[in-house]
Amino acid sequence: MAHSSQRERITQYIQNTYGTQAEYLWADSPGNAIFRHPASKKWFAALMRVLPKKLGLAGEEALDVMDIKCSTIMIGSLLSTNGFLPAYHMNKNHWISIVLNNSVPDDQIIPLLELSYDSVAPKRQMKDP
């Protein structure tokens, strides 16, 4: 599995863990996909191929980035970490972009993905005892 791209590994992880498939919603951006929570149908991750200049980075080769939902407090601290950027194309107060070029290890991305997934889960109703 070492030869697969980080995007492929993360996509596989999402499909295996959450049982949800990538949805390709944009004909003009066939490499861009979203993942929805199976119960709430809300997005918890978006995978995109983005030119570095759109992210304020140098280079010509498109990058794989993943947007995930994140708490405002966490976004503040993550933005000072290599591989994390203000959310591309999403609300920057609630989403953050992770560059999927192995600058952020998978084992650092997975807990953030869990938080994003949980944050869009349907809220449980309080049951009377």
N, C-alpha and C. Protein backbone atom coordinates (compact mmCIF):
# COMPACT_ATOMS: atom_id res chain seq x y z
N MET A 1 0.83 -1.20 0.00
CA MET A 1 0.00 0.00 0.00
C MET A 1 0.87 1.26 0.00
N ALA A 2 2.16 1.09 0.21
CA ALA A 2 3.06 2.25 0.33
C ALA A 2 3.12 3.07 -0.94
N HIS A 3 2.87 2.44 -2.10
CA HIS A 3 2.99 3.18 -3.36
C HIS A 3 1.74 3.99 -3.69
N SER A 4 0.63 3.79 -2.96
CA SER A 4 -0.57 4.55 -3.27
C SER A 4 -0.42 5.99 -2.80
N SER A 5 -1.14 6.89 -3.45
CA SER A 5 -1.06 8.29 -3.05
C SER A 5 -1.80 8.50 -1.74
N GLN A 6 -1.48 9.58 -1.07
CA GLN A 6 -2.16 9.87 0.19
C GLN A 6 -3.66 10.06 -0.07
N ARG A 7 -4.00 10.69 -1.18
CA ARG A 7 -5.42 10.85 -1.52
C ARG A 7 -6.10 9.49 -1.62
N GLU A 8 -5.46 8.54 -2.29
CA GLU A 8 -6.04 7.20 -2.43
C GLU A 8 -6.19 6.51 -1.08
N ARG A 9 -5.17 6.64 -0.24
CA ARG A 9 -5.23 6.01 1.10
C ARG A 9 -6.37 6.60 1.92
N ILE A 10 -6.49 7.92 1.91
CA ILE A 10 -7.53 8.57 2.71
C ILE A 10 -8.92 8.23 2.16
N THR A 11 -9.07 8.21 0.84
CA THR A 11 -10.35 7.83 0.22
C THR A 11 -10.73 6.42 0.65
N GLN A 12 -9.76 5.50 0.58
CA GLN A 12 -9.99 4.11 0.98
C GLN A 12 -10.40 4.04 2.45
N TYR A 13 -9.70 4.81 3.29
CA TYR A 13 -10.01 4.83 4.73
C TYR A 13 -11.46 5.29 4.95
N ILE A 14 -11.86 6.38 4.29
CA ILE A 14 -13.22 6.90 4.46
C ILE A 14 -14.24 5.85 4.02
N GLN A 15 -14.02 5.23 2.87
CA GLN A 15 -14.98 4.25 2.37
C GLN A 15 -15.06 3.04 3.29
N ASN A 16 -13.92 2.57 3.78
CA ASN A 16 -13.90 1.39 4.66
C ASN A 16 -14.48 1.70 6.04
N THR A 17 -14.18 2.88 6.57
CA THR A 17 -14.56 3.21 7.94
C THR A 17 -16.00 3.68 8.05
N TYR A 18 -16.42 4.51 7.11
CA TYR A 18 -17.74 5.14 7.22
C TYR A 18 -18.76 4.56 6.25
N GLY A 19 -18.31 3.66 5.36
CA GLY A 19 -19.24 3.03 4.43
C GLY A 19 -19.91 4.01 3.49
N THR A 20 -19.22 5.09 3.16
CA THR A 20 -19.77 6.09 2.25
C THR A 20 -18.84 6.24 1.06
N GLN A 21 -19.41 6.42 -0.11
CA GLN A 21 -18.62 6.51 -1.34
C GLN A 21 -18.39 7.96 -1.74
N ALA A 22 -17.32 8.19 -2.47
CA ALA A 22 -17.06 9.52 -3.02
C ALA A 22 -18.17 9.86 -4.01
N GLU A 23 -18.63 11.11 -3.95
CA GLU A 23 -19.61 11.61 -4.92
C GLU A 23 -18.91 12.67 -5.76
N TYR A 24 -18.99 12.52 -7.07
CA TYR A 24 -18.37 13.47 -7.99
C TYR A 24 -19.48 14.34 -8.55
N LEU A 25 -19.59 15.57 -8.03
CA LEU A 25 -20.75 16.42 -8.31
C LEU A 25 -20.53 17.39 -9.46
N TRP A 26 -19.27 17.59 -9.87
CA TRP A 26 -18.99 18.66 -10.82
C TRP A 26 -18.38 18.10 -12.10
N ALA A 27 -19.11 18.22 -13.19
CA ALA A 27 -18.63 17.73 -14.48
C ALA A 27 -17.34 18.43 -14.90
N ASP A 28 -17.22 19.72 -14.58
CA ASP A 28 -16.03 20.48 -14.99
C ASP A 28 -14.83 20.23 -14.08
N SER A 29 -15.04 19.52 -12.97
CA SER A 29 -13.94 19.18 -12.04
C SER A 29 -14.04 17.71 -11.68
N PRO A 30 -13.74 16.83 -12.64
CA PRO A 30 -13.97 15.39 -12.40
C PRO A 30 -13.12 14.81 -11.28
N GLY A 31 -12.04 15.49 -10.88
CA GLY A 31 -11.21 14.99 -9.79
C GLY A 31 -11.69 15.43 -8.42
N ASN A 32 -12.74 16.24 -8.37
CA ASN A 32 -13.23 16.74 -7.09
C ASN A 32 -14.38 15.88 -6.60
N ALA A 33 -14.32 15.50 -5.33
CA ALA A 33 -15.33 14.60 -4.76
C ALA A 33 -15.70 15.07 -3.37
N ILE A 34 -16.90 14.71 -2.95
CA ILE A 34 -17.31 14.99 -1.56
C ILE A 34 -17.74 13.68 -0.92
N PHE A 35 -17.69 13.68 0.40
CA PHE A 35 -18.19 12.55 1.18
C PHE A 35 -19.26 13.09 2.12
N ARG A 36 -20.40 12.39 2.16
CA ARG A 36 -21.50 12.78 3.04
C ARG A 36 -21.65 11.79 4.18
N HIS A 37 -22.13 12.30 5.31
CA HIS A 37 -22.51 11.43 6.42
C HIS A 37 -23.73 10.64 5.97
N PRO A 38 -23.72 9.30 6.12
CA PRO A 38 -24.85 8.50 5.61
C PRO A 38 -26.20 8.87 6.23
N ALA A 39 -26.21 9.31 7.48
CA ALA A 39 -27.48 9.60 8.15
C ALA A 39 -27.95 11.03 7.90
N SER A 40 -27.07 12.01 8.03
CA SER A 40 -27.49 13.41 7.90
C SER A 40 -27.41 13.93 6.47
N LYS A 41 -26.64 13.22 5.62
CA LYS A 41 -26.38 13.63 4.23
C LYS A 41 -25.55 14.91 4.14
N LYS A 42 -25.02 15.37 5.26
CA LYS A 42 -24.17 16.57 5.25
C LYS A 42 -22.75 16.17 4.87
N TRP A 43 -22.06 17.08 4.20
CA TRP A 43 -20.68 16.85 3.82
C TRP A 43 -19.79 16.84 5.05
N PHE A 44 -18.83 15.91 5.09
CA PHE A 44 -17.81 15.97 6.14
C PHE A 44 -16.41 16.05 5.56
N ALA A 45 -16.28 15.80 4.25
CA ALA A 45 -14.97 15.92 3.61
C ALA A 45 -15.17 16.22 2.14
N ALA A 46 -14.26 17.03 1.60
CA ALA A 46 -14.26 17.32 0.17
C ALA A 46 -12.83 17.16 -0.33
N LEU A 47 -12.65 16.37 -1.38
CA LEU A 47 -11.34 16.16 -1.99
C LEU A 47 -11.29 16.94 -3.29
N MET A 48 -10.22 17.70 -3.48
CA MET A 48 -10.11 18.53 -4.68
C MET A 48 -8.70 18.54 -5.22
N ARG A 49 -8.60 18.77 -6.53
CA ARG A 49 -7.30 19.03 -7.16
C ARG A 49 -7.28 20.53 -7.43
N VAL A 50 -6.28 21.19 -6.86
CA VAL A 50 -6.24 22.65 -6.89
C VAL A 50 -4.85 23.11 -7.33
N LEU A 51 -4.82 24.13 -8.16
CA LEU A 51 -3.54 24.71 -8.55
C LEU A 51 -2.94 25.44 -7.35
N PRO A 52 -1.64 25.29 -7.12
CA PRO A 52 -1.00 25.89 -5.95
C PRO A 52 -1.28 27.39 -5.80
N LYS A 53 -1.31 28.13 -6.93
CA LYS A 53 -1.49 29.58 -6.82
C LYS A 53 -2.84 29.94 -6.20
N LYS A 54 -3.85 29.08 -6.37
CA LYS A 54 -5.16 29.33 -5.76
C LYS A 54 -5.11 29.16 -4.25
N LEU A 55 -4.07 28.49 -3.78
CA LEU A 55 -3.89 28.26 -2.34
C LEU A 55 -2.81 29.20 -1.77
N GLY A 56 -2.28 30.07 -2.62
CA GLY A 56 -1.22 30.96 -2.17
C GLY A 56 0.13 30.27 -2.09
N LEU A 57 0.29 29.17 -2.85
CA LEU A 57 1.53 28.41 -2.83
C LEU A 57 2.25 28.53 -4.18
N ALA A 58 3.53 28.22 -4.18
CA ALA A 58 4.30 28.23 -5.41
C ALA A 58 4.15 26.88 -6.11
N GLY A 59 4.43 26.85 -7.40
CA GLY A 59 4.41 25.60 -8.14
C GLY A 59 3.35 25.60 -9.22
N GLU A 60 3.49 24.69 -10.16
CA GLU A 60 2.58 24.60 -11.31
C GLU A 60 1.68 23.37 -11.24
N GLU A 61 2.14 22.35 -10.54
CA GLU A 61 1.44 21.06 -10.52
C GLU A 61 0.26 21.11 -9.54
N ALA A 62 -0.93 20.68 -10.01
CA ALA A 62 -2.11 20.67 -9.14
C ALA A 62 -1.86 19.80 -7.92
N LEU A 63 -2.39 20.23 -6.80
CA LEU A 63 -2.24 19.50 -5.53
C LEU A 63 -3.57 18.87 -5.15
N ASP A 64 -3.50 17.72 -4.47
CA ASP A 64 -4.69 17.15 -3.85
C ASP A 64 -4.85 17.80 -2.49
N VAL A 65 -6.02 18.34 -2.24
CA VAL A 65 -6.32 18.88 -0.91
C VAL A 65 -7.64 18.29 -0.44
N MET A 66 -7.79 18.20 0.88
CA MET A 66 -9.04 17.74 1.47
C MET A 66 -9.52 18.79 2.44
N ASP A 67 -10.75 19.22 2.26
CA ASP A 67 -11.39 20.12 3.22
C ASP A 67 -12.15 19.27 4.22
N ILE A 68 -12.00 19.59 5.50
CA ILE A 68 -12.79 18.93 6.53
C ILE A 68 -13.35 19.98 7.47
N LYS A 69 -14.46 19.65 8.11
CA LYS A 69 -15.05 20.53 9.13
C LYS A 69 -14.18 20.46 10.37
N CYS A 70 -14.06 21.59 11.02
CA CYS A 70 -13.14 21.67 12.15
C CYS A 70 -13.59 22.79 13.07
N SER A 71 -13.33 22.67 14.37
CA SER A 71 -13.70 23.75 15.28
C SER A 71 -12.80 24.96 15.03
N THR A 72 -13.36 26.13 15.26
CA THR A 72 -12.63 27.38 15.05
C THR A 72 -11.33 27.40 15.85
N ILE A 73 -11.36 26.88 17.06
CA ILE A 73 -10.17 26.88 17.92
C ILE A 73 -9.09 26.00 17.31
N MET A 74 -9.48 24.82 16.84
CA MET A 74 -8.50 23.92 16.23
C MET A 74 -7.93 24.51 14.94
N ILE A 75 -8.79 25.16 14.15
CA ILE A 75 -8.32 25.76 12.91
C ILE A 75 -7.18 26.73 13.20
N GLY A 76 -7.36 27.56 14.23
CA GLY A 76 -6.34 28.53 14.60
C GLY A 76 -4.99 27.89 14.84
N SER A 77 -4.96 26.78 15.57
CA SER A 77 -3.67 26.16 15.86
C SER A 77 -3.16 25.34 14.68
N LEU A 78 -4.06 24.71 13.91
CA LEU A 78 -3.61 23.90 12.78
C LEU A 78 -2.99 24.75 11.67
N LEU A 79 -3.48 25.97 11.51
CA LEU A 79 -2.96 26.82 10.43
C LEU A 79 -1.49 27.16 10.59
N SER A 80 -0.97 27.01 11.81
CA SER A 80 0.46 27.27 12.00
C SER A 80 1.30 26.02 11.72
N THR A 81 0.63 24.93 11.32
CA THR A 81 1.30 23.66 11.05
C THR A 81 1.47 23.46 9.55
N ASN A 82 2.61 22.95 9.14
CA ASN A 82 2.87 22.66 7.73
C ASN A 82 1.80 21.71 7.16
N GLY A 83 1.29 22.02 5.98
CA GLY A 83 0.32 21.14 5.33
C GLY A 83 -1.13 21.54 5.55
N PHE A 84 -1.38 22.48 6.45
CA PHE A 84 -2.74 22.96 6.71
C PHE A 84 -2.89 24.37 6.16
N LEU A 85 -4.02 24.63 5.49
CA LEU A 85 -4.27 25.92 4.86
C LEU A 85 -5.70 26.37 5.15
N PRO A 86 -5.95 27.69 5.04
CA PRO A 86 -7.35 28.14 5.16
C PRO A 86 -8.19 27.38 4.13
N ALA A 87 -9.41 27.05 4.49
CA ALA A 87 -10.26 26.21 3.63
C ALA A 87 -10.40 26.82 2.25
N TYR A 88 -10.17 25.99 1.25
CA TYR A 88 -10.36 26.40 -0.13
C TYR A 88 -11.83 26.22 -0.49
N HIS A 89 -12.48 27.29 -0.92
CA HIS A 89 -13.85 27.22 -1.42
C HIS A 89 -14.90 26.95 -0.35
N MET A 90 -14.53 27.00 0.93
CA MET A 90 -15.50 26.72 2.00
C MET A 90 -15.40 27.81 3.06
N ASN A 91 -16.34 27.79 4.00
CA ASN A 91 -16.33 28.74 5.10
C ASN A 91 -15.06 28.54 5.94
N LYS A 92 -14.21 29.54 5.97
CA LYS A 92 -12.91 29.42 6.62
C LYS A 92 -13.01 29.38 8.14
N ASN A 93 -14.19 29.69 8.70
CA ASN A 93 -14.37 29.58 10.15
C ASN A 93 -14.68 28.16 10.58
N HIS A 94 -15.17 27.35 9.67
CA HIS A 94 -15.63 26.01 10.04
C HIS A 94 -14.95 24.88 9.28
N TRP A 95 -14.14 25.22 8.29
CA TRP A 95 -13.47 24.22 7.47
C TRP A 95 -11.99 24.57 7.37
N ILE A 96 -11.19 23.54 7.13
CA ILE A 96 -9.75 23.73 6.91
C ILE A 96 -9.32 22.81 5.78
N SER A 97 -8.30 23.24 5.03
CA SER A 97 -7.77 22.40 3.95
C SER A 97 -6.49 21.71 4.42
N ILE A 98 -6.35 20.45 4.06
CA ILE A 98 -5.14 19.68 4.33
C ILE A 98 -4.54 19.31 2.97
N VAL A 99 -3.29 19.65 2.75
CA VAL A 99 -2.62 19.28 1.51
C VAL A 99 -2.25 17.80 1.61
N LEU A 100 -2.71 17.00 0.65
CA LEU A 100 -2.48 15.55 0.69
C LEU A 100 -1.23 15.19 -0.13
N ASN A 101 -0.09 15.67 0.35
CA ASN A 101 1.19 15.37 -0.31
C ASN A 101 2.15 14.72 0.68
N ASN A 102 1.58 14.10 1.71
CA ASN A 102 2.34 13.43 2.79
C ASN A 102 3.05 14.41 3.71
N SER A 103 2.77 15.73 3.60
CA SER A 103 3.35 16.66 4.56
C SER A 103 2.65 16.54 5.91
N VAL A 104 1.40 16.07 5.90
CA VAL A 104 0.67 15.77 7.13
C VAL A 104 0.48 14.26 7.15
N PRO A 105 1.00 13.57 8.17
CA PRO A 105 0.88 12.10 8.20
C PRO A 105 -0.58 11.65 8.30
N ASP A 106 -0.87 10.48 7.71
CA ASP A 106 -2.23 9.92 7.76
C ASP A 106 -2.74 9.85 9.20
N ASP A 107 -1.87 9.46 10.13
CA ASP A 107 -2.34 9.28 11.51
C ASP A 107 -2.64 10.61 12.20
N GLN A 108 -2.29 11.72 11.57
CA GLN A 108 -2.70 13.03 12.08
C GLN A 108 -4.00 13.46 11.41
N ILE A 109 -4.22 13.00 10.18
CA ILE A 109 -5.43 13.37 9.44
C ILE A 109 -6.65 12.60 9.95
N ILE A 110 -6.46 11.32 10.27
CA ILE A 110 -7.59 10.46 10.61
C ILE A 110 -8.40 10.95 11.82
N PRO A 111 -7.75 11.36 12.92
CA PRO A 111 -8.57 11.88 14.03
C PRO A 111 -9.35 13.15 13.64
N LEU A 112 -8.78 13.98 12.76
CA LEU A 112 -9.48 15.18 12.32
C LEU A 112 -10.67 14.81 11.45
N LEU A 113 -10.50 13.78 10.65
CA LEU A 113 -11.59 13.27 9.82
C LEU A 113 -12.72 12.75 10.71
N GLU A 114 -12.35 12.06 11.79
CA GLU A 114 -13.36 11.55 12.73
C GLU A 114 -14.17 12.70 13.33
N LEU A 115 -13.46 13.77 13.73
CA LEU A 115 -14.14 14.93 14.31
C LEU A 115 -15.08 15.56 13.30
N SER A 116 -14.64 15.65 12.05
CA SER A 116 -15.47 16.23 10.99
C SER A 116 -16.72 15.38 10.79
N TYR A 117 -16.52 14.06 10.71
CA TYR A 117 -17.63 13.13 10.53
C TYR A 117 -18.63 13.27 11.68
N ASP A 118 -18.11 13.27 12.91
CA ASP A 118 -18.99 13.35 14.09
C ASP A 118 -19.73 14.69 14.13
N SER A 119 -19.08 15.75 13.63
CA SER A 119 -19.68 17.08 13.74
C SER A 119 -20.91 17.24 12.84
N VAL A 120 -21.05 16.38 11.81
CA VAL A 120 -22.21 16.47 10.93
C VAL A 120 -23.21 15.34 11.17
N ALA A 121 -22.94 14.51 12.17
CA ALA A 121 -23.87 13.42 12.50
C ALA A 121 -25.17 14.03 13.02
N PRO A 122 -26.28 13.35 12.80
CA PRO A 122 -27.55 13.86 13.35
C PRO A 122 -27.44 13.98 14.86
N LYS A 123 -27.98 15.04 15.41
CA LYS A 123 -27.94 15.22 16.86
C LYS A 123 -28.89 14.22 17.51
N ARG A 124 -28.43 13.59 18.55
CA ARG A 124 -29.29 12.61 19.23
C ARG A 124 -30.36 13.33 20.04
N GLN A 125 -31.56 12.80 19.95
CA GLN A 125 -32.65 13.36 20.75
C GLN A 125 -32.53 12.85 22.18
N MET A 126 -32.80 13.72 23.13
CA MET A 126 -32.78 13.29 24.52
C MET A 126 -34.01 12.42 24.77
N LYS A 127 -33.79 11.28 25.35
CA LYS A 127 -34.90 10.36 25.64
C LYS A 127 -35.34 10.57 27.09
N ASP A 128 -36.64 10.48 27.30
CA ASP A 128 -37.12 10.53 28.69
C ASP A 128 -36.74 9.23 29.37
N PRO A 129 -36.34 9.31 30.65
CA PRO A 129 -35.94 8.07 31.34
C PRO A 129 -37.13 7.14 31.55
